[in-house]
């Protein structure tokens, strides 16, 4: 569990996402469609499905390839989410007439370019927290006062590590080039699996009984089934077996490992999250650029105004390193893992170049109400930040059995 920024303040407790309406998120666009061009930007409202599933259903309905549909951010399956997708050569009126279960098209306007990942300013959240403790409003307001002043710790959190909590472990072994360990991590730890048949299948795998494992693995475990099927033919060829895993999934595992290392660095710097140090690569919130801090005292005012923040590493083979004490902290993490930046220079289209990420983000438009059902929270975060980072500080515990979108 990552450390809290407000450990001395009591949490509200409670649960979220008991109903779809308990969690609503709306994308804040980076720009608006201009009204002409071959792409149509459609704002959709979806319920009970991921962004990729919504794209799948809409592209099938419209008769276009999924890869041609653009999106700015990924959203979870649970909750009511509004986001914009772009469709090439599809008339706006045709999109407005779409009728699909769980999907509503709210608007459709033409634009000149395809929507790309990251083309959003942030997200607005409306979240219901139920079954809260006494004096929940007062407790929440005390935490929010600190988050508003110092910033929200920009953790990725547990949602980045997959349903079995193993995505980052797979990524780690891919970076290290240990294919057997990567395959073992992909199959997962039986202790984390509730389904009895699935757990038995993974236990059989770890015993080396690939035939029994394949027979028992549930149908939804497509990646695991293909991996085990290949190992059944060539039991020692773990590298070859991993070729069955799609590059997209491998990139996801590698990204999860980057996120895990970032969260570790953030945890160590949490007490100075609102202070830059000499040698820091400071993140500019107005344009996302970074610069080396040569005189921390001279930058203190800009930090206090939330113009800049210290950044942390999304490690990669081309990532720019800080200097001074921040460099020592980041190198300590790499050394503890037994890897170098160049280890992320992987073949087969899996090269991870790395980037910098702010250690904190501003909490915007915050409003809290209390009623008979608990607390109603409204706030906004910039792109790439997670609502769970706010909720865990307020609630002081896991925000719930499923997680908030980006």
Protein backbone atom coordinates (compact mmCIF):
# COMPACT_ATOMS: atom_id res chain seq x y z
CA UNK A 1 0.00 0.00 0.00
CA UNK A 2 1.39 3.39 -0.97
CA UNK A 3 1.83 5.95 1.84
CA UNK A 4 -0.75 8.69 2.30
CA UNK A 5 -0.08 12.39 1.98
CA UNK A 6 -2.53 12.94 4.88
CA UNK A 7 -1.87 10.00 7.25
CA UNK A 8 -2.68 12.11 10.31
CA UNK A 9 -6.21 12.91 9.09
CA UNK A 10 -8.98 10.31 9.61
CA UNK A 11 -10.80 8.97 6.58
CA UNK A 12 -14.48 8.81 5.83
CA UNK A 13 -14.53 5.10 5.07
CA UNK A 14 -17.35 3.98 2.79
CA UNK A 15 -17.74 2.28 -0.57
CA UNK A 16 -18.05 3.53 -4.14
CA UNK A 17 -19.54 2.26 -7.37
CA UNK A 18 -22.42 0.27 -5.90
CA UNK A 19 -24.46 1.43 -8.90
CA UNK A 20 -23.47 2.74 -12.34
CA UNK A 21 -24.68 6.22 -11.37
CA UNK A 22 -22.34 6.31 -8.36
CA UNK A 23 -19.39 7.01 -10.64
CA UNK A 24 -19.65 9.49 -13.51
CA UNK A 25 -16.75 10.88 -15.53
CA UNK A 26 -16.78 13.38 -18.38
CA UNK A 27 -13.80 14.15 -20.58
CA UNK A 28 -12.64 17.75 -20.76
CA UNK A 29 -11.61 18.25 -24.43
CA UNK A 30 -8.28 19.76 -25.38
CA UNK A 31 -9.96 21.45 -28.37
CA UNK A 32 -13.39 21.51 -30.01
CA UNK A 33 -14.21 20.20 -33.49
CA UNK A 34 -14.24 22.96 -36.13
CA UNK A 35 -17.25 21.85 -38.18
CA UNK A 36 -15.46 20.68 -41.32
CA UNK A 37 -13.13 17.83 -42.30
CA UNK A 38 -13.37 14.11 -43.01
CA UNK A 39 -13.48 12.98 -39.34
CA UNK A 40 -16.60 13.22 -37.19
CA UNK A 41 -16.11 13.82 -33.46
CA UNK A 42 -18.92 12.13 -31.53
CA UNK A 43 -19.42 12.61 -27.81
CA UNK A 44 -20.85 9.38 -26.46
CA UNK A 45 -22.27 8.33 -23.12
CA UNK A 46 -21.59 4.70 -22.30
CA UNK A 47 -22.60 2.41 -19.46
CA UNK A 48 -21.23 -0.97 -18.46
CA UNK A 49 -18.43 -1.24 -21.02
CA UNK A 50 -14.84 -0.18 -21.58
CA UNK A 51 -13.79 2.35 -24.20
CA UNK A 52 -12.41 -0.44 -26.40
CA UNK A 53 -15.68 -2.37 -26.19
CA UNK A 54 -17.66 0.76 -27.15
CA UNK A 55 -15.33 1.24 -30.13
CA UNK A 56 -15.81 -2.41 -31.08
CA UNK A 57 -19.60 -2.14 -31.07
CA UNK A 58 -19.74 1.20 -32.88
CA UNK A 59 -17.23 0.23 -35.57
CA UNK A 60 -19.11 -3.01 -36.24
CA UNK A 61 -22.41 -1.13 -36.43
CA UNK A 62 -20.95 1.49 -38.80
CA UNK A 63 -18.98 -0.99 -40.89
CA UNK A 64 -15.53 0.53 -40.34
CA UNK A 65 -12.28 -0.89 -38.94
CA UNK A 66 -11.71 -0.48 -35.20
CA UNK A 67 -8.22 0.94 -35.80
CA UNK A 68 -9.75 3.88 -37.70
CA UNK A 69 -11.70 5.05 -34.65
CA UNK A 70 -9.84 7.67 -32.61
CA UNK A 71 -10.08 8.24 -28.86
CA UNK A 72 -8.44 10.62 -26.38
CA UNK A 73 -8.58 8.57 -23.17
CA UNK A 74 -9.46 5.12 -21.87
CA UNK A 75 -12.46 4.73 -19.56
CA UNK A 76 -13.52 1.84 -17.32
CA UNK A 77 -16.45 -0.48 -17.87
CA UNK A 78 -18.33 0.46 -14.71
CA UNK A 79 -19.94 3.85 -14.29
CA UNK A 80 -21.51 6.43 -16.57
CA UNK A 81 -18.80 7.93 -18.76
CA UNK A 82 -18.89 10.61 -21.43
CA UNK A 83 -16.04 10.79 -23.91
CA UNK A 84 -15.33 11.78 -27.49
CA UNK A 85 -14.49 9.36 -30.31
CA UNK A 86 -13.61 10.22 -33.93
CA UNK A 87 -14.87 8.36 -36.99
CA UNK A 88 -13.50 8.83 -40.54
CA UNK A 89 -15.91 9.46 -43.40
CA UNK A 90 -19.05 8.94 -41.32
CA UNK A 91 -21.84 11.51 -41.66
CA UNK A 92 -22.73 13.22 -38.35
CA UNK A 93 -26.43 12.50 -38.86
CA UNK A 94 -25.67 8.81 -39.19
CA UNK A 95 -23.84 8.84 -35.87
CA UNK A 96 -26.65 10.77 -34.19
CA UNK A 97 -29.12 8.10 -35.29
CA UNK A 98 -27.10 5.22 -33.75
CA UNK A 99 -29.09 3.13 -31.29
CA UNK A 100 -27.02 0.58 -29.34
CA UNK A 101 -27.52 -0.89 -25.87
CA UNK A 102 -25.37 0.97 -23.35
CA UNK A 103 -24.30 3.70 -25.82
CA UNK A 104 -25.84 7.10 -26.56
CA UNK A 105 -24.44 9.56 -29.09
CA UNK A 106 -24.84 13.04 -27.61
CA UNK A 107 -23.31 15.17 -30.36
CA UNK A 108 -21.51 14.76 -33.69
CA UNK A 109 -19.41 17.47 -35.39
CA UNK A 110 -16.87 17.27 -38.21
CA UNK A 111 -13.16 17.93 -37.73
CA UNK A 112 -9.99 17.70 -39.83
CA UNK A 113 -7.86 15.24 -37.86
CA UNK A 114 -8.27 11.91 -36.12
CA UNK A 115 -8.54 12.08 -32.33
CA UNK A 116 -5.34 10.74 -30.73
CA UNK A 117 -4.61 9.37 -27.23
CA UNK A 118 -3.81 12.25 -24.90
CA UNK A 119 -5.89 14.80 -26.83
CA UNK A 120 -7.83 15.81 -23.70
CA UNK A 121 -7.34 18.42 -21.00
CA UNK A 122 -8.54 16.19 -18.18
CA UNK A 123 -11.64 14.63 -16.65
CA UNK A 124 -14.49 15.81 -14.44
CA UNK A 125 -15.72 13.32 -11.84
CA UNK A 126 -18.95 13.01 -9.89
CA UNK A 127 -18.63 10.22 -7.33
CA UNK A 128 -21.00 8.92 -4.67
CA UNK A 129 -19.40 7.46 -1.50
CA UNK A 130 -21.88 5.39 0.51
CA UNK A 131 -21.80 3.93 4.05
CA UNK A 132 -19.46 6.64 5.36
CA UNK A 133 -18.40 7.15 8.97
CA UNK A 134 -19.74 9.84 11.30
CA UNK A 135 -18.70 13.42 10.57
CA UNK A 136 -17.70 12.30 7.07
CA UNK A 137 -18.19 15.75 5.56
CA UNK A 138 -15.88 17.41 8.08
CA UNK A 139 -13.26 14.68 7.61
CA UNK A 140 -13.42 14.93 3.82
CA UNK A 141 -13.11 18.72 3.91
CA UNK A 142 -9.99 18.51 6.08
CA UNK A 143 -8.30 16.14 3.63
CA UNK A 144 -9.37 18.15 0.60
CA UNK A 145 -7.89 21.32 2.14
CA UNK A 146 -4.47 19.63 2.16
CA UNK A 147 -4.86 18.19 -1.35
CA UNK A 148 -5.92 21.58 -2.69
CA UNK A 149 -2.91 23.29 -1.11
CA UNK A 150 -0.20 20.70 -1.68
CA UNK A 151 -1.52 18.75 -4.67
CA UNK A 152 -2.81 15.23 -5.28
CA UNK A 153 -0.14 12.49 -5.21
CA UNK A 154 -0.02 11.36 -8.83
CA UNK A 155 -0.04 7.63 -8.07
CA UNK A 156 -1.06 5.10 -10.69
CA UNK A 157 -2.22 2.75 -7.94
CA UNK A 158 -3.36 -0.84 -7.96
CA UNK A 159 -5.62 -0.49 -11.01
CA UNK A 160 -2.48 -0.32 -13.16
CA UNK A 161 -1.43 -3.83 -12.17
CA UNK A 162 -4.34 -5.83 -13.59
CA UNK A 163 -7.07 -7.93 -12.01
CA UNK A 164 -4.54 -10.39 -10.54
CA UNK A 165 -2.09 -7.66 -9.55
CA UNK A 166 0.60 -9.19 -11.77
CA UNK A 167 0.93 -6.93 -14.84
CA UNK A 168 3.98 -5.08 -13.48
CA UNK A 169 5.63 -8.38 -12.50
CA UNK A 170 5.33 -9.64 -16.09
CA UNK A 171 6.76 -6.36 -17.35
CA UNK A 172 9.69 -6.59 -14.94
CA UNK A 173 10.69 -10.02 -16.20
CA UNK A 174 10.34 -8.94 -19.84
CA UNK A 175 12.74 -6.06 -19.12
CA UNK A 176 15.13 -8.47 -17.39
CA UNK A 177 14.87 -10.93 -20.28
CA UNK A 178 13.85 -13.82 -18.00
CA UNK A 179 11.17 -15.46 -20.16
CA UNK A 180 10.37 -18.33 -17.79
CA UNK A 181 9.80 -15.89 -14.94
CA UNK A 182 7.68 -13.72 -17.27
CA UNK A 183 5.53 -16.73 -18.21
CA UNK A 184 5.17 -17.73 -14.56
CA UNK A 185 4.15 -14.17 -13.64
CA UNK A 186 1.64 -14.06 -16.51
CA UNK A 187 -0.09 -17.19 -15.24
CA UNK A 188 -0.39 -15.50 -11.85
CA UNK A 189 -0.27 -16.43 -8.20
CA UNK A 190 -2.97 -19.01 -7.32
CA UNK A 191 -3.52 -17.28 -3.98
CA UNK A 192 -4.93 -14.22 -5.80
CA UNK A 193 -7.54 -16.22 -7.78
CA UNK A 194 -10.99 -16.78 -6.27
CA UNK A 195 -12.45 -19.03 -8.97
CA UNK A 196 -11.68 -22.61 -7.89
CA UNK A 197 -11.24 -24.10 -11.37
CA UNK A 198 -9.04 -21.23 -12.54
CA UNK A 199 -6.95 -21.46 -9.38
CA UNK A 200 -6.52 -25.23 -9.87
CA UNK A 201 -5.41 -24.64 -13.46
CA UNK A 202 -2.72 -22.20 -12.36
CA UNK A 203 -1.58 -24.56 -9.60
CA UNK A 204 -1.23 -27.31 -12.23
CA UNK A 205 0.82 -24.97 -14.41
CA UNK A 206 3.23 -24.20 -11.57
CA UNK A 207 3.60 -27.97 -10.94
CA UNK A 208 4.60 -28.36 -14.59
CA UNK A 209 1.42 -30.25 -15.54
CA UNK A 210 0.62 -28.21 -18.64
CA UNK A 211 -1.96 -30.70 -19.96
CA UNK A 212 -4.08 -30.51 -16.82
CA UNK A 213 -3.66 -26.74 -16.71
CA UNK A 214 -4.88 -26.33 -20.30
CA UNK A 215 -7.89 -28.56 -19.65
CA UNK A 216 -8.96 -26.54 -16.61
CA UNK A 217 -8.19 -22.97 -17.73
CA UNK A 218 -11.46 -21.03 -18.26
CA UNK A 219 -12.29 -19.88 -21.78
CA UNK A 220 -11.85 -16.21 -20.93
CA UNK A 221 -8.15 -16.85 -20.16
CA UNK A 222 -7.25 -16.71 -23.85
CA UNK A 223 -3.72 -15.40 -23.38
CA UNK A 224 -2.93 -17.97 -20.70
CA UNK A 225 -4.43 -20.82 -22.73
CA UNK A 226 -2.33 -20.03 -25.80
CA UNK A 227 0.81 -19.75 -23.67
CA UNK A 228 0.21 -23.12 -22.00
CA UNK A 229 -0.70 -24.77 -25.33
CA UNK A 230 2.69 -23.75 -26.73
CA UNK A 231 4.54 -24.90 -23.62
CA UNK A 232 2.77 -28.24 -23.87
CA UNK A 233 4.52 -28.77 -27.23
CA UNK A 234 7.87 -27.27 -26.17
CA UNK A 235 8.06 -27.20 -22.35
CA UNK A 236 11.36 -25.29 -22.11
CA UNK A 237 10.73 -22.75 -24.89
CA UNK A 238 9.28 -19.96 -22.74
CA UNK A 239 10.53 -17.24 -25.09
CA UNK A 240 8.77 -18.85 -28.05
CA UNK A 241 5.64 -19.40 -25.98
CA UNK A 242 5.53 -15.72 -25.09
CA UNK A 243 5.42 -14.87 -28.79
CA UNK A 244 1.74 -15.83 -28.56
CA UNK A 245 1.13 -12.73 -26.41
CA UNK A 246 0.14 -9.71 -28.50
CA UNK A 247 2.57 -6.78 -28.66
CA UNK A 248 -0.23 -4.56 -27.33
CA UNK A 249 -0.49 -6.66 -24.18
CA UNK A 250 3.28 -6.79 -23.75
CA UNK A 251 3.40 -3.00 -23.98
CA UNK A 252 0.71 -2.89 -21.30
CA UNK A 253 2.83 -5.08 -19.01
CA UNK A 254 5.91 -2.95 -19.61
CA UNK A 255 3.95 0.22 -18.95
CA UNK A 256 2.66 -1.30 -15.70
CA UNK A 257 6.25 -1.91 -14.62
CA UNK A 258 7.15 1.69 -15.41
CA UNK A 259 4.14 2.78 -13.34
CA UNK A 260 5.16 0.57 -10.42
CA UNK A 261 8.64 2.10 -10.33
CA UNK A 262 7.20 5.62 -10.60
CA UNK A 263 4.87 4.95 -7.65
CA UNK A 264 7.83 3.74 -5.58
CA UNK A 265 9.80 6.92 -6.27
CA UNK A 266 6.72 9.03 -5.50
CA UNK A 267 6.22 7.23 -2.19
CA UNK A 268 9.75 8.10 -1.13
CA UNK A 269 9.31 11.78 -2.07
CA UNK A 270 5.78 12.21 -0.71
CA UNK A 271 6.74 14.48 2.19
CA UNK A 272 8.31 16.98 -0.24
CA UNK A 273 5.77 16.60 -3.02
CA UNK A 274 5.24 20.37 -3.13
CA UNK A 275 8.95 21.28 -3.09
CA UNK A 276 11.55 21.16 -5.85
CA UNK A 277 15.17 20.30 -5.07
CA UNK A 278 18.40 21.22 -6.78
CA UNK A 279 18.82 18.81 -9.68
CA UNK A 280 15.09 18.13 -10.05
CA UNK A 281 13.54 17.96 -13.48
CA UNK A 282 10.67 20.35 -12.78
CA UNK A 283 7.40 19.77 -14.66
CA UNK A 284 5.64 22.83 -16.09
CA UNK A 285 1.89 22.41 -15.71
CA UNK A 286 1.08 24.86 -18.50
CA UNK A 287 2.76 22.91 -21.30
CA UNK A 288 4.18 19.66 -19.88
CA UNK A 289 7.81 20.63 -20.51
CA UNK A 290 10.57 19.85 -18.00
CA UNK A 291 13.68 21.78 -17.01
CA UNK A 292 16.59 21.20 -14.62
CA UNK A 293 16.32 23.09 -11.33
CA UNK A 294 19.65 24.80 -10.67
CA UNK A 295 18.48 26.96 -7.74
CA UNK A 296 15.60 25.43 -5.78
CA UNK A 297 15.12 28.54 -3.64
CA UNK A 298 14.64 30.67 -6.75
CA UNK A 299 11.87 28.30 -7.95
CA UNK A 300 10.03 28.11 -4.61
CA UNK A 301 7.44 30.74 -5.53
CA UNK A 302 6.55 29.05 -8.82
CA UNK A 303 6.19 25.75 -6.98
CA UNK A 304 3.92 27.34 -4.37
CA UNK A 305 1.74 28.81 -7.13
CA UNK A 306 1.48 25.32 -8.68
CA UNK A 307 3.14 26.51 -11.89
CA UNK A 308 5.74 23.77 -11.55
CA UNK A 309 6.15 20.51 -9.64
CA UNK A 310 8.90 17.94 -9.14
CA UNK A 311 8.74 15.13 -11.70
CA UNK A 312 9.35 11.43 -11.38
CA UNK A 313 10.56 8.76 -13.79
CA UNK A 314 8.65 6.66 -16.26
CA UNK A 315 11.90 4.81 -16.83
CA UNK A 316 12.96 4.16 -20.42
CA UNK A 317 16.03 3.97 -22.60
CA UNK A 318 15.82 7.63 -23.67
CA UNK A 319 14.40 9.18 -20.50
CA UNK A 320 16.14 12.34 -19.33
CA UNK A 321 17.68 11.94 -15.87
CA UNK A 322 17.69 14.60 -13.13
CA UNK A 323 20.76 15.52 -11.09
CA UNK A 324 21.75 15.74 -7.43
CA UNK A 325 19.65 14.02 -4.78
CA UNK A 326 16.72 13.25 -7.17
CA UNK A 327 19.13 11.38 -9.45
CA UNK A 328 20.45 9.32 -6.52
CA UNK A 329 16.91 8.34 -5.50
CA UNK A 330 15.97 7.25 -9.01
CA UNK A 331 19.19 5.32 -9.58
CA UNK A 332 18.64 3.57 -6.23
CA UNK A 333 15.35 2.19 -7.60
CA UNK A 334 17.00 0.95 -10.79
CA UNK A 335 19.87 -0.61 -8.84
CA UNK A 336 17.44 -2.32 -6.47
CA UNK A 337 15.75 -3.88 -9.49
CA UNK A 338 19.10 -4.85 -11.03
CA UNK A 339 18.43 -3.05 -14.31
CA UNK A 340 19.66 -0.04 -16.28
CA UNK A 341 17.81 2.43 -18.49
CA UNK A 342 19.10 0.57 -21.53
CA UNK A 343 17.24 -2.55 -20.38
CA UNK A 344 14.08 -0.86 -21.67
CA UNK A 345 15.54 -0.81 -25.21
CA UNK A 346 13.72 -4.02 -26.11
CA UNK A 347 13.48 -5.53 -29.60
CA UNK A 348 10.35 -6.42 -31.54
CA UNK A 349 8.65 -3.05 -31.29
CA UNK A 350 8.67 -3.16 -27.47
CA UNK A 351 11.21 -0.38 -26.94
CA UNK A 352 10.16 1.87 -24.05
CA UNK A 353 11.72 5.33 -24.40
CA UNK A 354 10.43 6.70 -21.10
CA UNK A 355 9.23 10.14 -20.04
CA UNK A 356 8.80 12.37 -17.00
CA UNK A 357 5.56 12.56 -14.99
CA UNK A 358 4.66 15.12 -12.31
CA UNK A 359 4.73 13.79 -8.76
CA UNK A 360 1.59 15.80 -7.96
CA UNK A 361 -1.37 17.22 -9.88
CA UNK A 362 -3.80 20.05 -9.05
CA UNK A 363 -7.24 19.26 -7.67
CA UNK A 364 -9.77 21.35 -9.56
CA UNK A 365 -13.42 22.38 -9.13
CA UNK A 366 -13.79 20.48 -5.84
CA UNK A 367 -17.21 20.40 -4.17
CA UNK A 368 -18.44 18.05 -1.44
CA UNK A 369 -22.02 17.50 -0.28
CA UNK A 370 -23.42 15.29 2.47
CA UNK A 371 -26.88 13.72 2.39
CA UNK A 372 -28.69 10.62 3.61
CA UNK A 373 -26.84 8.42 1.06
CA UNK A 374 -23.36 9.54 2.12
CA UNK A 375 -21.05 11.95 0.33
CA UNK A 376 -21.21 13.34 -3.19
CA UNK A 377 -17.81 14.45 -4.51
CA UNK A 378 -17.26 16.59 -7.59
CA UNK A 379 -13.77 17.44 -8.85
CA UNK A 380 -11.56 17.56 -11.92
CA UNK A 381 -8.07 16.24 -12.64
CA UNK A 382 -5.68 16.73 -15.56
CA UNK A 383 -5.22 13.95 -18.10
CA UNK A 384 -3.32 10.90 -16.96
CA UNK A 385 -4.33 11.32 -13.30
CA UNK A 386 -6.56 8.89 -11.43
CA UNK A 387 -9.58 9.66 -9.27
CA UNK A 388 -8.52 6.84 -6.94
CA UNK A 389 -5.59 9.03 -5.80
CA UNK A 390 -8.13 11.50 -4.42
CA UNK A 391 -10.54 8.90 -3.07
CA UNK A 392 -7.95 6.89 -1.13
CA UNK A 393 -6.81 10.01 0.73
CA UNK A 394 -10.40 10.95 1.61
CA UNK A 395 -11.62 7.44 2.45
CA UNK A 396 -8.34 6.09 3.90
CA UNK A 397 -8.63 2.68 2.35
CA UNK A 398 -9.10 0.94 -0.95
CA UNK A 399 -11.67 3.03 -2.86
CA UNK A 400 -13.61 -0.07 -3.86
CA UNK A 401 -13.54 -3.35 -5.75
CA UNK A 402 -13.15 -1.61 -9.08
CA UNK A 403 -11.32 1.45 -10.13
CA UNK A 404 -11.58 4.92 -11.60
CA UNK A 405 -10.84 5.76 -15.24
CA UNK A 406 -8.15 8.01 -16.63
